[in-house]
PDB file of N, CA and C in Angstrom:
ATOM      1  N   MET A   1      36.120  34.080 -13.147  1.00  0.00           N
ATOM      2  CA  MET A   1      35.580  33.855 -11.825  1.00  0.00           C
ATOM      3  C   MET A   1      34.089  34.200 -11.830  1.00  0.00           C
ATOM      4  N   GLN A   2      33.289  33.356 -11.168  1.00  0.00           N
ATOM      5  CA  GLN A   2      31.842  33.535 -11.121  1.00  0.00           C
ATOM      6  C   GLN A   2      31.378  33.562  -9.663  1.00  0.00           C
ATOM      7  N   VAL A   3      30.590  34.566  -9.296  1.00  0.00           N
ATOM      8  CA  VAL A   3      30.020  34.650  -7.958  1.00  0.00           C
ATOM      9  C   VAL A   3      28.740  33.815  -7.938  1.00  0.00           C
ATOM     10  N   ILE A   4      28.597  32.986  -6.926  1.00  0.00           N
ATOM     11  CA  ILE A   4      27.441  32.110  -6.779  1.00  0.00           C
ATOM     12  C   ILE A   4      26.480  32.721  -5.764  1.00  0.00           C
ATOM     13  N   LYS A   5      25.195  32.736  -6.129  1.00  0.00           N
ATOM     14  CA  LYS A   5      24.161  33.247  -5.231  1.00  0.00           C
ATOM     15  C   LYS A   5      22.941  32.352  -5.346  1.00  0.00           C
ATOM     16  N   THR A   6      22.435  31.879  -4.220  1.00  0.00           N
ATOM     17  CA  THR A   6      21.242  31.043  -4.206  1.00  0.00           C
ATOM     18  C   THR A   6      19.990  31.911  -4.174  1.00  0.00           C
ATOM     19  N   ALA A   7      18.860  31.333  -4.563  1.00  0.00           N
ATOM     20  CA  ALA A   7      17.590  32.059  -4.537  1.00  0.00           C
ATOM     21  C   ALA A   7      17.163  32.379  -3.113  1.00  0.00           C
ATOM     22  N   ILE A   8      17.432  31.460  -2.195  1.00  0.00           N
ATOM     23  CA  ILE A   8      17.132  31.653  -0.776  1.00  0.00           C
ATOM     24  C   ILE A   8      18.456  31.923  -0.073  1.00  0.00           C
ATOM     25  N   PRO A   9      18.560  32.996   0.709  1.00  0.00           N
ATOM     26  CA  PRO A   9      19.816  33.279   1.409  1.00  0.00           C
ATOM     27  C   PRO A   9      20.210  32.141   2.355  1.00  0.00           C
ATOM     28  N   THR A  10      21.483  31.855   2.423  1.00  0.00           N
ATOM     29  CA  THR A  10      21.979  30.807   3.314  1.00  0.00           C
ATOM     30  C   THR A  10      22.783  31.372   4.476  1.00  0.00           C
ATOM     31  N   MET A  11      22.869  32.690   4.530  1.00  0.00           N
ATOM     32  CA  MET A  11      23.646  33.331   5.591  1.00  0.00           C
ATOM     33  C   MET A  11      23.139  34.754   5.775  1.00  0.00           C
ATOM     34  N   PRO A  12      23.378  35.320   6.952  1.00  0.00           N
ATOM     35  CA  PRO A  12      22.987  36.719   7.155  1.00  0.00           C
ATOM     36  C   PRO A  12      23.684  37.609   6.128  1.00  0.00           C
ATOM     37  N   PRO A  13      23.074  38.737   5.771  1.00  0.00           N
ATOM     38  CA  PRO A  13      23.685  39.611   4.763  1.00  0.00           C
ATOM     39  C   PRO A  13      25.026  40.185   5.234  1.00  0.00           C
ATOM     40  N   GLY A  14      25.908  40.403   4.266  1.00  0.00           N
ATOM     41  CA  GLY A  14      27.216  40.980   4.567  1.00  0.00           C
ATOM     42  C   GLY A  14      27.974  41.231   3.281  1.00  0.00           C
ATOM     43  N   PRO A  15      29.135  41.860   3.393  1.00  0.00           N
ATOM     44  CA  PRO A  15      29.926  42.193   2.201  1.00  0.00           C
ATOM     45  C   PRO A  15      30.802  41.026   1.740  1.00  0.00           C
ATOM     46  N   PHE A  16      30.150  39.915   1.345  1.00  0.00           N
ATOM     47  CA  PHE A  16      30.882  38.743   0.881  1.00  0.00           C
ATOM     48  C   PHE A  16      29.968  37.916  -0.005  1.00  0.00           C
ATOM     49  N   ALA A  17      30.564  37.070  -0.820  1.00  0.00           N
ATOM     50  CA  ALA A  17      29.819  36.161  -1.690  1.00  0.00           C
ATOM     51  C   ALA A  17      29.537  34.859  -0.942  1.00  0.00           C
ATOM     52  N   GLN A  18      28.423  34.213  -1.283  1.00  0.00           N
ATOM     53  CA  GLN A  18      28.159  32.888  -0.726  1.00  0.00           C
ATOM     54  C   GLN A  18      29.223  31.902  -1.197  1.00  0.00           C
ATOM     55  N   ALA A  19      29.625  32.051  -2.443  1.00  0.00           N
ATOM     56  CA  ALA A  19      30.657  31.195  -3.012  1.00  0.00           C
ATOM     57  C   ALA A  19      31.216  31.864  -4.253  1.00  0.00           C
ATOM     58  N   VAL A  20      32.398  31.421  -4.637  1.00  0.00           N
ATOM     59  CA  VAL A  20      33.041  31.884  -5.859  1.00  0.00           C
ATOM     60  C   VAL A  20      33.534  30.648  -6.597  1.00  0.00           C
ATOM     61  N   LYS A  21      33.198  30.593  -7.879  1.00  0.00           N
ATOM     62  CA  LYS A  21      33.597  29.467  -8.724  1.00  0.00           C
ATOM     63  C   LYS A  21      34.681  29.940  -9.674  1.00  0.00           C
ATOM     64  N   ASP A  22      35.753  29.167  -9.747  1.00  0.00           N
ATOM     65  CA  ASP A  22      36.841  29.469 -10.666  1.00  0.00           C
ATOM     66  C   ASP A  22      37.191  28.168 -11.378  1.00  0.00           C
ATOM     67  N   GLY A  23      36.887  28.105 -12.657  1.00  0.00           N
ATOM     68  CA  GLY A  23      37.111  26.866 -13.397  1.00  0.00           C
ATOM     69  C   GLY A  23      36.217  25.765 -12.855  1.00  0.00           C
ATOM     70  N   ASP A  24      36.834  24.647 -12.465  1.00  0.00           N
ATOM     71  CA  ASP A  24      36.050  23.528 -11.950  1.00  0.00           C
ATOM     72  C   ASP A  24      36.133  23.401 -10.430  1.00  0.00           C
ATOM     73  N   VAL A  25      36.436  24.508  -9.747  1.00  0.00           N
ATOM     74  CA  VAL A  25      36.510  24.512  -8.284  1.00  0.00           C
ATOM     75  C   VAL A  25      35.611  25.616  -7.740  1.00  0.00           C
ATOM     76  N   VAL A  26      34.881  25.297  -6.682  1.00  0.00           N
ATOM     77  CA  VAL A  26      34.049  26.290  -6.010  1.00  0.00           C
ATOM     78  C   VAL A  26      34.534  26.432  -4.568  1.00  0.00           C
ATOM     79  N   TYR A  27      34.627  27.683  -4.134  1.00  0.00           N
ATOM     80  CA  TYR A  27      35.055  28.028  -2.781  1.00  0.00           C
ATOM     81  C   TYR A  27      33.835  28.597  -2.068  1.00  0.00           C
ATOM     82  N   VAL A  28      33.321  27.866  -1.092  1.00  0.00           N
ATOM     83  CA  VAL A  28      32.095  28.261  -0.403  1.00  0.00           C
ATOM     84  C   VAL A  28      32.454  28.977   0.898  1.00  0.00           C
ATOM     85  N   ALA A  29      31.887  30.180   1.057  1.00  0.00           N
ATOM     86  CA  ALA A  29      32.093  30.951   2.288  1.00  0.00           C
ATOM     87  C   ALA A  29      31.502  30.196   3.471  1.00  0.00           C
ATOM     88  N   GLY A  30      31.957  30.539   4.661  1.00  0.00           N
ATOM     89  CA  GLY A  30      31.476  29.900   5.875  1.00  0.00           C
ATOM     90  C   GLY A  30      29.962  29.967   6.001  1.00  0.00           C
ATOM     91  N   GLN A  31      29.342  28.800   6.035  1.00  0.00           N
ATOM     92  CA  GLN A  31      27.893  28.700   6.189  1.00  0.00           C
ATOM     93  C   GLN A  31      27.563  28.487   7.662  1.00  0.00           C
ATOM     94  N   VAL A  32      26.460  29.072   8.092  1.00  0.00           N
ATOM     95  CA  VAL A  32      25.996  28.937   9.473  1.00  0.00           C
ATOM     96  C   VAL A  32      24.551  28.446   9.452  1.00  0.00           C
ATOM     97  N   ALA A  33      23.978  28.277  10.630  1.00  0.00           N
ATOM     98  CA  ALA A  33      22.602  27.776  10.759  1.00  0.00           C
ATOM     99  C   ALA A  33      21.620  28.924  10.591  1.00  0.00           C
ATOM    100  N   TYR A  34      21.508  29.391   9.364  1.00  0.00           N
ATOM    101  CA  TYR A  34      20.624  30.506   9.027  1.00  0.00           C
ATOM    102  C   TYR A  34      19.492  29.981   8.160  1.00  0.00           C
ATOM    103  N   ASP A  35      18.255  30.263   8.553  1.00  0.00           N
ATOM    104  CA  ASP A  35      17.090  29.861   7.781  1.00  0.00           C
ATOM    105  C   ASP A  35      16.693  31.030   6.887  1.00  0.00           C
ATOM    106  N   GLY A  36      17.073  30.963   5.623  1.00  0.00           N
ATOM    107  CA  GLY A  36      16.826  32.042   4.682  1.00  0.00           C
ATOM    108  C   GLY A  36      15.363  32.276   4.384  1.00  0.00           C
ATOM    109  N   GLU A  37      14.544  31.244   4.495  1.00  0.00           N
ATOM    110  CA  GLU A  37      13.113  31.407   4.267  1.00  0.00           C
ATOM    111  C   GLU A  37      12.473  32.243   5.371  1.00  0.00           C
ATOM    112  N   LYS A  38      12.950  32.081   6.594  1.00  0.00           N
ATOM    113  CA  LYS A  38      12.443  32.857   7.728  1.00  0.00           C
ATOM    114  C   LYS A  38      13.248  34.133   7.952  1.00  0.00           C
ATOM    115  N   GLY A  39      14.442  34.189   7.361  1.00  0.00           N
ATOM    116  CA  GLY A  39      15.312  35.341   7.556  1.00  0.00           C
ATOM    117  C   GLY A  39      15.816  35.455   8.982  1.00  0.00           C
ATOM    118  N   ALA A  40      16.087  34.290   9.592  1.00  0.00           N
ATOM    119  CA  ALA A  40      16.503  34.275  10.995  1.00  0.00           C
ATOM    120  C   ALA A  40      17.428  33.094  11.264  1.00  0.00           C
ATOM    121  N   PRO A  41      18.268  33.223  12.298  1.00  0.00           N
ATOM    122  CA  PRO A  41      19.124  32.103  12.679  1.00  0.00           C
ATOM    123  C   PRO A  41      18.314  30.950  13.263  1.00  0.00           C
ATOM    124  N   VAL A  42      18.854  29.748  13.129  1.00  0.00           N
ATOM    125  CA  VAL A  42      18.321  28.564  13.802  1.00  0.00           C
ATOM    126  C   VAL A  42      19.207  28.388  15.034  1.00  0.00           C
ATOM    127  N   LEU A  43      18.670  28.707  16.199  1.00  0.00           N
ATOM    128  CA  LEU A  43      19.504  28.728  17.410  1.00  0.00           C
ATOM    129  C   LEU A  43      19.263  27.513  18.295  1.00  0.00           C
ATOM    130  N   GLY A  44      19.289  26.324  17.701  1.00  0.00           N
ATOM    131  CA  GLY A  44      19.144  25.094  18.458  1.00  0.00           C
ATOM    132  C   GLY A  44      20.485  24.599  18.962  1.00  0.00           C
ATOM    133  N   ASP A  45      20.515  23.334  19.365  1.00  0.00           N
ATOM    134  CA  ASP A  45      21.753  22.737  19.849  1.00  0.00           C
ATOM    135  C   ASP A  45      22.701  22.470  18.678  1.00  0.00           C
ATOM    136  N   ILE A  46      23.846  21.895  18.974  1.00  0.00           N
ATOM    137  CA  ILE A  46      24.872  21.686  17.949  1.00  0.00           C
ATOM    138  C   ILE A  46      24.370  20.796  16.814  1.00  0.00           C
ATOM    139  N   LYS A  47      23.590  19.776  17.131  1.00  0.00           N
ATOM    140  CA  LYS A  47      23.094  18.892  16.070  1.00  0.00           C
ATOM    141  C   LYS A  47      22.132  19.635  15.144  1.00  0.00           C
ATOM    142  N   GLU A  48      21.196  20.374  15.720  1.00  0.00           N
ATOM    143  CA  GLU A  48      20.232  21.118  14.911  1.00  0.00           C
ATOM    144  C   GLU A  48      20.935  22.167  14.052  1.00  0.00           C
ATOM    145  N   GLN A  49      21.890  22.885  14.642  1.00  0.00           N
ATOM    146  CA  GLN A  49      22.611  23.898  13.870  1.00  0.00           C
ATOM    147  C   GLN A  49      23.493  23.260  12.796  1.00  0.00           C
ATOM    148  N   THR A  50      24.100  22.125  13.088  1.00  0.00           N
ATOM    149  CA  THR A  50      24.927  21.445  12.085  1.00  0.00           C
ATOM    150  C   THR A  50      24.073  20.998  10.911  1.00  0.00           C
ATOM    151  N   ARG A  51      22.896  20.451  11.186  1.00  0.00           N
ATOM    152  CA  ARG A  51      21.999  20.012  10.111  1.00  0.00           C
ATOM    153  C   ARG A  51      21.612  21.179   9.205  1.00  0.00           C
ATOM    154  N   GLN A  52      21.256  22.322   9.792  1.00  0.00           N
ATOM    155  CA  GLN A  52      20.874  23.489   8.989  1.00  0.00           C
ATOM    156  C   GLN A  52      22.078  24.018   8.205  1.00  0.00           C
ATOM    157  N   THR A  53      23.229  24.043   8.848  1.00  0.00           N
ATOM    158  CA  THR A  53      24.443  24.523   8.182  1.00  0.00           C
ATOM    159  C   THR A  53      24.776  23.645   6.979  1.00  0.00           C
ATOM    160  N   LEU A  54      24.679  22.332   7.140  1.00  0.00           N
ATOM    161  CA  LEU A  54      24.960  21.418   6.022  1.00  0.00           C
ATOM    162  C   LEU A  54      23.895  21.535   4.937  1.00  0.00           C
ATOM    163  N   LYS A  55      22.652  21.783   5.311  1.00  0.00           N
ATOM    164  CA  LYS A  55      21.589  22.030   4.325  1.00  0.00           C
ATOM    165  C   LYS A  55      21.933  23.264   3.495  1.00  0.00           C
ATOM    166  N   ASN A  56      22.401  24.323   4.158  1.00  0.00           N
ATOM    167  CA  ASN A  56      22.795  25.546   3.455  1.00  0.00           C
ATOM    168  C   ASN A  56      23.997  25.296   2.551  1.00  0.00           C
ATOM    169  N   LEU A  57      24.969  24.565   3.060  1.00  0.00           N
ATOM    170  CA  LEU A  57      26.153  24.237   2.266  1.00  0.00           C
ATOM    171  C   LEU A  57      25.743  23.470   1.005  1.00  0.00           C
ATOM    172  N   LYS A  58      24.858  22.502   1.161  1.00  0.00           N
ATOM    173  CA  LYS A  58      24.374  21.726   0.017  1.00  0.00           C
ATOM    174  C   LYS A  58      23.702  22.637  -1.012  1.00  0.00           C
ATOM    175  N   MET A  59      22.893  23.589  -0.548  1.00  0.00           N
ATOM    176  CA  MET A  59      22.187  24.498  -1.453  1.00  0.00           C
ATOM    177  C   MET A  59      23.176  25.336  -2.265  1.00  0.00           C
ATOM    178  N   VAL A  60      24.210  25.839  -1.617  1.00  0.00           N
ATOM    179  CA  VAL A  60      25.204  26.656  -2.320  1.00  0.00           C
ATOM    180  C   VAL A  60      25.984  25.796  -3.311  1.00  0.00           C
ATOM    181  N   LEU A  61      26.369  24.607  -2.897  1.00  0.00           N
ATOM    182  CA  LEU A  61      27.101  23.717  -3.799  1.00  0.00           C
ATOM    183  C   LEU A  61      26.276  23.379  -5.038  1.00  0.00           C
ATOM    184  N   GLU A  62      25.010  23.069  -4.854  1.00  0.00           N
ATOM    185  CA  GLU A  62      24.159  22.735  -5.996  1.00  0.00           C
ATOM    186  C   GLU A  62      23.974  23.931  -6.925  1.00  0.00           C
ATOM    187  N   ALA A  63      23.900  25.142  -6.368  1.00  0.00           N
ATOM    188  CA  ALA A  63      23.785  26.350  -7.200  1.00  0.00           C
ATOM    189  C   ALA A  63      25.039  26.571  -8.039  1.00  0.00           C
ATOM    190  N   SER A  64      26.159  26.006  -7.601  1.00  0.00           N
ATOM    191  CA  SER A  64      27.420  26.171  -8.322  1.00  0.00           C
ATOM    192  C   SER A  64      27.701  25.041  -9.307  1.00  0.00           C
ATOM    193  N   GLY A  65      26.822  24.023  -9.339  1.00  0.00           N
ATOM    194  CA  GLY A  65      27.068  22.874 -10.201  1.00  0.00           C
ATOM    195  C   GLY A  65      27.867  21.789  -9.514  1.00  0.00           C
ATOM    196  N   SER A  66      27.876  21.805  -8.200  1.00  0.00           N
ATOM    197  CA  SER A  66      28.609  20.809  -7.429  1.00  0.00           C
ATOM    198  C   SER A  66      27.628  20.089  -6.501  1.00  0.00           C
ATOM    199  N   SER A  67      28.173  19.349  -5.544  1.00  0.00           N
ATOM    200  CA  SER A  67      27.337  18.629  -4.586  1.00  0.00           C
ATOM    201  C   SER A  67      28.176  18.260  -3.366  1.00  0.00           C
ATOM    202  N   ILE A  68      27.478  17.808  -2.348  1.00  0.00           N
ATOM    203  CA  ILE A  68      28.135  17.397  -1.097  1.00  0.00           C
ATOM    204  C   ILE A  68      29.212  16.345  -1.355  1.00  0.00           C
ATOM    205  N   ASP A  69      28.941  15.401  -2.245  1.00  0.00           N
ATOM    206  CA  ASP A  69      29.890  14.312  -2.480  1.00  0.00           C
ATOM    207  C   ASP A  69      31.105  14.720  -3.304  1.00  0.00           C
ATOM    208  N   ARG A  70      31.165  15.984  -3.735  1.00  0.00           N
ATOM    209  CA  ARG A  70      32.321  16.460  -4.500  1.00  0.00           C
ATOM    210  C   ARG A  70      33.213  17.385  -3.676  1.00  0.00           C
ATOM    211  N   ILE A  71      32.925  17.479  -2.380  1.00  0.00           N
ATOM    212  CA  ILE A  71      33.742  18.314  -1.493  1.00  0.00           C
ATOM    213  C   ILE A  71      35.119  17.693  -1.329  1.00  0.00           C
ATOM    214  N   MET A  72      36.132  18.542  -1.460  1.00  0.00           N
ATOM    215  CA  MET A  72      37.508  18.096  -1.264  1.00  0.00           C
ATOM    216  C   MET A  72      38.005  18.453   0.132  1.00  0.00           C
ATOM    217  N   LYS A  73      37.588  19.619   0.653  1.00  0.00           N
ATOM    218  CA  LYS A  73      38.122  20.114   1.922  1.00  0.00           C
ATOM    219  C   LYS A  73      37.063  20.921   2.649  1.00  0.00           C
ATOM    220  N   LEU A  74      36.940  20.691   3.955  1.00  0.00           N
ATOM    221  CA  LEU A  74      36.056  21.457   4.823  1.00  0.00           C
ATOM    222  C   LEU A  74      36.869  22.088   5.941  1.00  0.00           C
ATOM    223  N   THR A  75      36.486  23.289   6.315  1.00  0.00           N
ATOM    224  CA  THR A  75      36.995  23.896   7.537  1.00  0.00           C
ATOM    225  C   THR A  75      35.780  24.165   8.407  1.00  0.00           C
ATOM    226  N   CYS A  76      35.797  23.617   9.613  1.00  0.00           N
ATOM    227  CA  CYS A  76      34.661  23.701  10.527  1.00  0.00           C
ATOM    228  C   CYS A  76      35.084  24.469  11.779  1.00  0.00           C
ATOM    229  N   ILE A  77      34.250  25.405  12.181  1.00  0.00           N
ATOM    230  CA  ILE A  77      34.539  26.244  13.343  1.00  0.00           C
ATOM    231  C   ILE A  77      33.513  25.938  14.426  1.00  0.00           C
ATOM    232  N   LEU A  78      34.006  25.555  15.586  1.00  0.00           N
ATOM    233  CA  LEU A  78      33.167  25.245  16.743  1.00  0.00           C
ATOM    234  C   LEU A  78      33.609  26.114  17.922  1.00  0.00           C
ATOM    235  N   PRO A  79      32.826  27.094  18.327  1.00  0.00           N
ATOM    236  CA  PRO A  79      33.206  27.906  19.483  1.00  0.00           C
ATOM    237  C   PRO A  79      33.279  27.102  20.780  1.00  0.00           C
ATOM    238  N   ASN A  80      32.440  26.054  20.889  1.00  0.00           N
ATOM    239  CA  ASN A  80      32.375  25.262  22.117  1.00  0.00           C
ATOM    240  C   ASN A  80      33.092  23.926  21.971  1.00  0.00           C
ATOM    241  N   PHE A  81      34.263  23.982  21.362  1.00  0.00           N
ATOM    242  CA  PHE A  81      35.100  22.790  21.185  1.00  0.00           C
ATOM    243  C   PHE A  81      35.859  22.567  22.488  1.00  0.00           C
ATOM    244  N   PRO A  82      35.954  21.405  23.043  1.00  0.00           N
ATOM    245  CA  PRO A  82      35.513  20.112  22.523  1.00  0.00           C
ATOM    246  C   PRO A  82      34.101  19.703  22.952  1.00  0.00           C
ATOM    247  N   THR A  83      33.403  20.523  23.736  1.00  0.00           N
ATOM    248  CA  THR A  83      32.078  20.162  24.249  1.00  0.00           C
ATOM    249  C   THR A  83      31.122  19.717  23.152  1.00  0.00           C
ATOM    250  N   ASP A  84      31.062  20.445  22.030  1.00  0.00           N
ATOM    251  CA  ASP A  84      30.114  20.147  20.959  1.00  0.00           C
ATOM    252  C   ASP A  84      30.644  19.180  19.910  1.00  0.00           C
ATOM    253  N   TYR A  85      31.861  18.702  20.072  1.00  0.00           N
ATOM    254  CA  TYR A  85      32.499  17.904  19.031  1.00  0.00           C
ATOM    255  C   TYR A  85      31.750  16.604  18.739  1.00  0.00           C
ATOM    256  N   ILE A  86      31.292  15.897  19.758  1.00  0.00           N
ATOM    257  CA  ILE A  86      30.606  14.619  19.542  1.00  0.00           C
ATOM    258  C   ILE A  86      29.280  14.843  18.818  1.00  0.00           C
ATOM    259  N   GLY A  87      28.468  15.787  19.282  1.00  0.00           N
ATOM    260  CA  GLY A  87      27.193  16.073  18.623  1.00  0.00           C
ATOM    261  C   GLY A  87      27.382  16.552  17.193  1.00  0.00           C
ATOM    262  N   PHE A  88      28.408  17.366  16.975  1.00  0.00           N
ATOM    263  CA  PHE A  88      28.742  17.825  15.621  1.00  0.00           C
ATOM    264  C   PHE A  88      29.047  16.638  14.722  1.00  0.00           C
ATOM    265  N   ASN A  89      29.892  15.727  15.183  1.00  0.00           N
ATOM    266  CA  ASN A  89      30.253  14.556  14.372  1.00  0.00           C
ATOM    267  C   ASN A  89      29.047  13.663  14.098  1.00  0.00           C
ATOM    268  N   GLU A  90      28.150  13.523  15.066  1.00  0.00           N
ATOM    269  CA  GLU A  90      26.955  12.698  14.854  1.00  0.00           C
ATOM    270  C   GLU A  90      26.091  13.284  13.738  1.00  0.00           C
ATOM    271  N   ALA A  91      25.833  14.589  13.772  1.00  0.00           N
ATOM    272  CA  ALA A  91      25.044  15.233  12.710  1.00  0.00           C
ATOM    273  C   ALA A  91      25.804  15.220  11.387  1.00  0.00           C
ATOM    274  N   PHE A  92      27.114  15.403  11.437  1.00  0.00           N
ATOM    275  CA  PHE A  92      27.971  15.377  10.256  1.00  0.00           C
ATOM    276  C   PHE A  92      27.845  14.037   9.532  1.00  0.00           C
ATOM    277  N   GLN A  93      27.833  12.944  10.300  1.00  0.00           N
ATOM    278  CA  GLN A  93      27.787  11.611   9.705  1.00  0.00           C
ATOM    279  C   GLN A  93      26.394  11.244   9.188  1.00  0.00           C
ATOM    280  N   GLU A  94      25.386  12.039   9.462  1.00  0.00           N
ATOM    281  CA  GLU A  94      24.076  11.847   8.842  1.00  0.00           C
ATOM    282  C   GLU A  94      24.143  12.216   7.357  1.00  0.00           C
ATOM    283  N   VAL A  95      25.049  13.125   7.010  1.00  0.00           N
ATOM    284  CA  VAL A  95      25.202  13.593   5.625  1.00  0.00           C
ATOM    285  C   VAL A  95      26.387  12.926   4.941  1.00  0.00           C
ATOM    286  N   PHE A  96      27.508  12.857   5.626  1.00  0.00           N
ATOM    287  CA  PHE A  96      28.727  12.274   5.064  1.00  0.00           C
ATOM    288  C   PHE A  96      28.866  10.841   5.562  1.00  0.00           C
ATOM    289  N   LYS A  97      28.634   9.914   4.660  1.00  0.00           N
ATOM    290  CA  LYS A  97      28.699   8.495   5.003  1.00  0.00           C
ATOM    291  C   LYS A  97      30.104   7.976   4.731  1.00  0.00           C
ATOM    292  N   GLY A  98      30.681   7.297   5.692  1.00  0.00           N
ATOM    293  CA  GLY A  98      32.011   6.733   5.532  1.00  0.00           C
ATOM    294  C   GLY A  98      31.976   5.532   4.610  1.00  0.00           C
ATOM    295  N   PRO A  99      33.063   4.934   4.296  1.00  0.00           N
ATOM    296  CA  PRO A  99      34.340   5.197   4.926  1.00  0.00           C
ATOM    297  C   PRO A  99      35.132   6.350   4.316  1.00  0.00           C
ATOM    298  N   THR A 100      34.661   6.921   3.205  1.00  0.00           N
ATOM    299  CA  THR A 100      35.386   8.018   2.577  1.00  0.00           C
ATOM    300  C   THR A 100      34.749   9.340   2.971  1.00  0.00           C
ATOM    301  N   TYR A 101      35.531  10.198   3.582  1.00  0.00           N
ATOM    302  CA  TYR A 101      35.085  11.526   3.999  1.00  0.00           C
ATOM    303  C   TYR A 101      35.960  12.574   3.321  1.00  0.00           C
ATOM    304  N   PRO A 102      35.468  13.824   3.208  1.00  0.00           N
ATOM    305  CA  PRO A 102      36.341  14.882   2.701  1.00  0.00           C
ATOM    306  C   PRO A 102      37.411  15.208   3.744  1.00  0.00           C
ATOM    307  N   ALA A 103      38.507  15.798   3.297  1.00  0.00           N
ATOM    308  CA  ALA A 103      39.503  16.294   4.239  1.00  0.00           C
ATOM    309  C   ALA A 103      38.812  17.350   5.101  1.00  0.00           C
ATOM    310  N   ARG A 104      39.180  17.417   6.391  1.00  0.00           N
ATOM    311  CA  ARG A 104      38.484  18.339   7.289  1.00  0.00           C
ATOM    312  C   ARG A 104      39.420  18.857   8.366  1.00  0.00           C
ATOM    313  N   THR A 105      39.303  20.148   8.617  1.00  0.00           N
ATOM    314  CA  THR A 105      39.976  20.771   9.746  1.00  0.00           C
ATOM    315  C   THR A 105      38.897  21.345  10.646  1.00  0.00           C
ATOM    316  N   THR A 106      38.981  21.089  11.931  1.00  0.00           N
ATOM    317  CA  THR A 106      38.021  21.631  12.892  1.00  0.00           C
ATOM    318  C   THR A 106      38.791  22.479  13.891  1.00  0.00           C
ATOM    319  N   VAL A 107      38.374  23.730  14.033  1.00  0.00           N
ATOM    320  CA  VAL A 107      39.065  24.656  14.924  1.00  0.00           C
ATOM    321  C   VAL A 107      38.075  25.294  15.900  1.00  0.00           C
ATOM    322  N   GLN A 108      38.618  25.793  16.987  1.00  0.00           N
ATOM    323  CA  GLN A 108      37.825  26.530  17.959  1.00  0.00           C
ATOM    324  C   GLN A 108      38.039  28.021  17.733  1.00  0.00           C
ATOM    325  N   ALA A 109      36.937  28.741  17.560  1.00  0.00           N
ATOM    326  CA  ALA A 109      36.985  30.196  17.386  1.00  0.00           C
ATOM    327  C   ALA A 109      35.602  30.753  17.693  1.00  0.00           C
ATOM    328  N   GLY A 110      35.543  32.016  18.034  1.00  0.00           N
ATOM    329  CA  GLY A 110      34.276  32.646  18.360  1.00  0.00           C
ATOM    330  C   GLY A 110      33.428  32.915  17.131  1.00  0.00           C
ATOM    331  N   LEU A 111      32.114  32.828  17.304  1.00  0.00           N
ATOM    332  CA  LEU A 111      31.156  33.160  16.255  1.00  0.00           C
ATOM    333  C   LEU A 111      30.141  34.146  16.824  1.00  0.00           C
ATOM    334  N   LEU A 112      29.593  34.972  15.966  1.00  0.00           N
ATOM    335  CA  LEU A 112      28.600  35.956  16.383  1.00  0.00           C
ATOM    336  C   LEU A 112      27.184  35.408  16.260  1.00  0.00           C
ATOM    337  N   GLY A 113      26.246  36.061  16.890  1.00  0.00           N
ATOM    338  CA  GLY A 113      24.824  35.802  16.672  1.00  0.00           C
ATOM    339  C   GLY A 113      24.269  34.517  17.250  1.00  0.00           C
ATOM    340  N   GLY A 114      24.958  33.886  18.197  1.00  0.00           N
ATOM    341  CA  GLY A 114      24.451  32.657  18.791  1.00  0.00           C
ATOM    342  C   GLY A 114      24.728  31.406  17.985  1.00  0.00           C
ATOM    343  N   PHE A 115      25.482  31.531  16.900  1.00  0.00           N
ATOM    344  CA  PHE A 115      25.816  30.360  16.097  1.00  0.00           C
ATOM    345  C   PHE A 115      26.883  29.530  16.810  1.00  0.00           C
ATOM    346  N   VAL A 116      26.735  28.190  16.742  1.00  0.00           N
ATOM    347  CA  VAL A 116      27.707  27.299  17.380  1.00  0.00           C
ATOM    348  C   VAL A 116      28.445  26.425  16.363  1.00  0.00           C
ATOM    349  N   ILE A 117      28.260  26.734  15.068  1.00  0.00           N
ATOM    350  CA  ILE A 117      28.969  26.011  14.012  1.00  0.00           C
ATOM    351  C   ILE A 117      29.044  26.893  12.772  1.00  0.00           C
ATOM    352  N   GLU A 118      30.174  26.831  12.098  1.00  0.00           N
ATOM    353  CA  GLU A 118      30.338  27.455  10.785  1.00  0.00           C
ATOM    354  C   GLU A 118      31.175  26.500   9.949  1.00  0.00           C
ATOM    355  N   ILE A 119      30.788  26.312   8.692  1.00  0.00           N
ATOM    356  CA  ILE A 119      31.503  25.391   7.812  1.00  0.00           C
ATOM    357  C   ILE A 119      31.759  26.057   6.468  1.00  0.00           C
ATOM    358  N   GLU A 120      33.017  26.054   6.041  1.00  0.00           N
ATOM    359  CA  GLU A 120      33.368  26.505   4.693  1.00  0.00           C
ATOM    360  C   GLU A 120      33.884  25.297   3.920  1.00  0.00           C
ATOM    361  N   ALA A 121      33.796  25.378   2.587  1.00  0.00           N
ATOM    362  CA  ALA A 121      34.150  24.215   1.768  1.00  0.00           C
ATOM    363  C   ALA A 121      34.853  24.601   0.484  1.00  0.00           C
ATOM    364  N   ILE A 122      35.618  23.648  -0.008  1.00  0.00           N
ATOM    365  CA  ILE A 122      36.208  23.712  -1.345  1.00  0.00           C
ATOM    366  C   ILE A 122      35.760  22.431  -2.040  1.00  0.00           C
ATOM    367  N   ALA A 123      35.164  22.582  -3.230  1.00  0.00           N
ATOM    368  CA  ALA A 123      34.629  21.403  -3.927  1.00  0.00           C
ATOM    369  C   ALA A 123      34.894  21.490  -5.423  1.00  0.00           C
ATOM    370  N   LYS A 124      34.889  20.344  -6.065  1.00  0.00           N
ATOM    371  CA  LYS A 124      34.952  20.266  -7.533  1.00  0.00           C
ATOM    372  C   LYS A 124      33.543  20.500  -8.067  1.00  0.00           C
ATOM    373  N   CYS A 125      33.449  21.064  -9.255  1.00  0.00           N
ATOM    374  CA  CYS A 125      32.141  21.275  -9.867  1.00  0.00           C
ATOM    375  C   CYS A 125      32.237  21.009 -11.363  1.00  0.00           C
ATOM    376  N   ASP A 126      31.064  21.028 -12.020  1.00  0.00           N
ATOM    377  CA  ASP A 126      30.994  20.752 -13.453  1.00  0.00           C
ATOM    378  C   ASP A 126      31.568  21.890 -14.275  1.00  0.00           C
TER     379      ASP A 126
END
């Protein structure tokens, strides 16, 4: 098992790994709209936060030898579901082009720090 860490933080500090790679699979911890270069959350609307969250997810995947197009499963957390669902899907489809999408579960749950989206992933890697 290998712990994955990016050069720029993709999430607020805490007692967890950004991702863990085991064989040819990487398990990415829940990413949020955190700007690691500024060391602060991006507290925009659902589209802005989704874009930053997916940017962070991409960075972690690339650090593990994977990529967005190798994602097998996503779990997405939206505290303001169903209100933010349409905007989330619009930003989501800027990155994930159909007709083939990864498997995805979207749930409603609370998030801390003003975040309105969190995404965790399981992906294949080299």
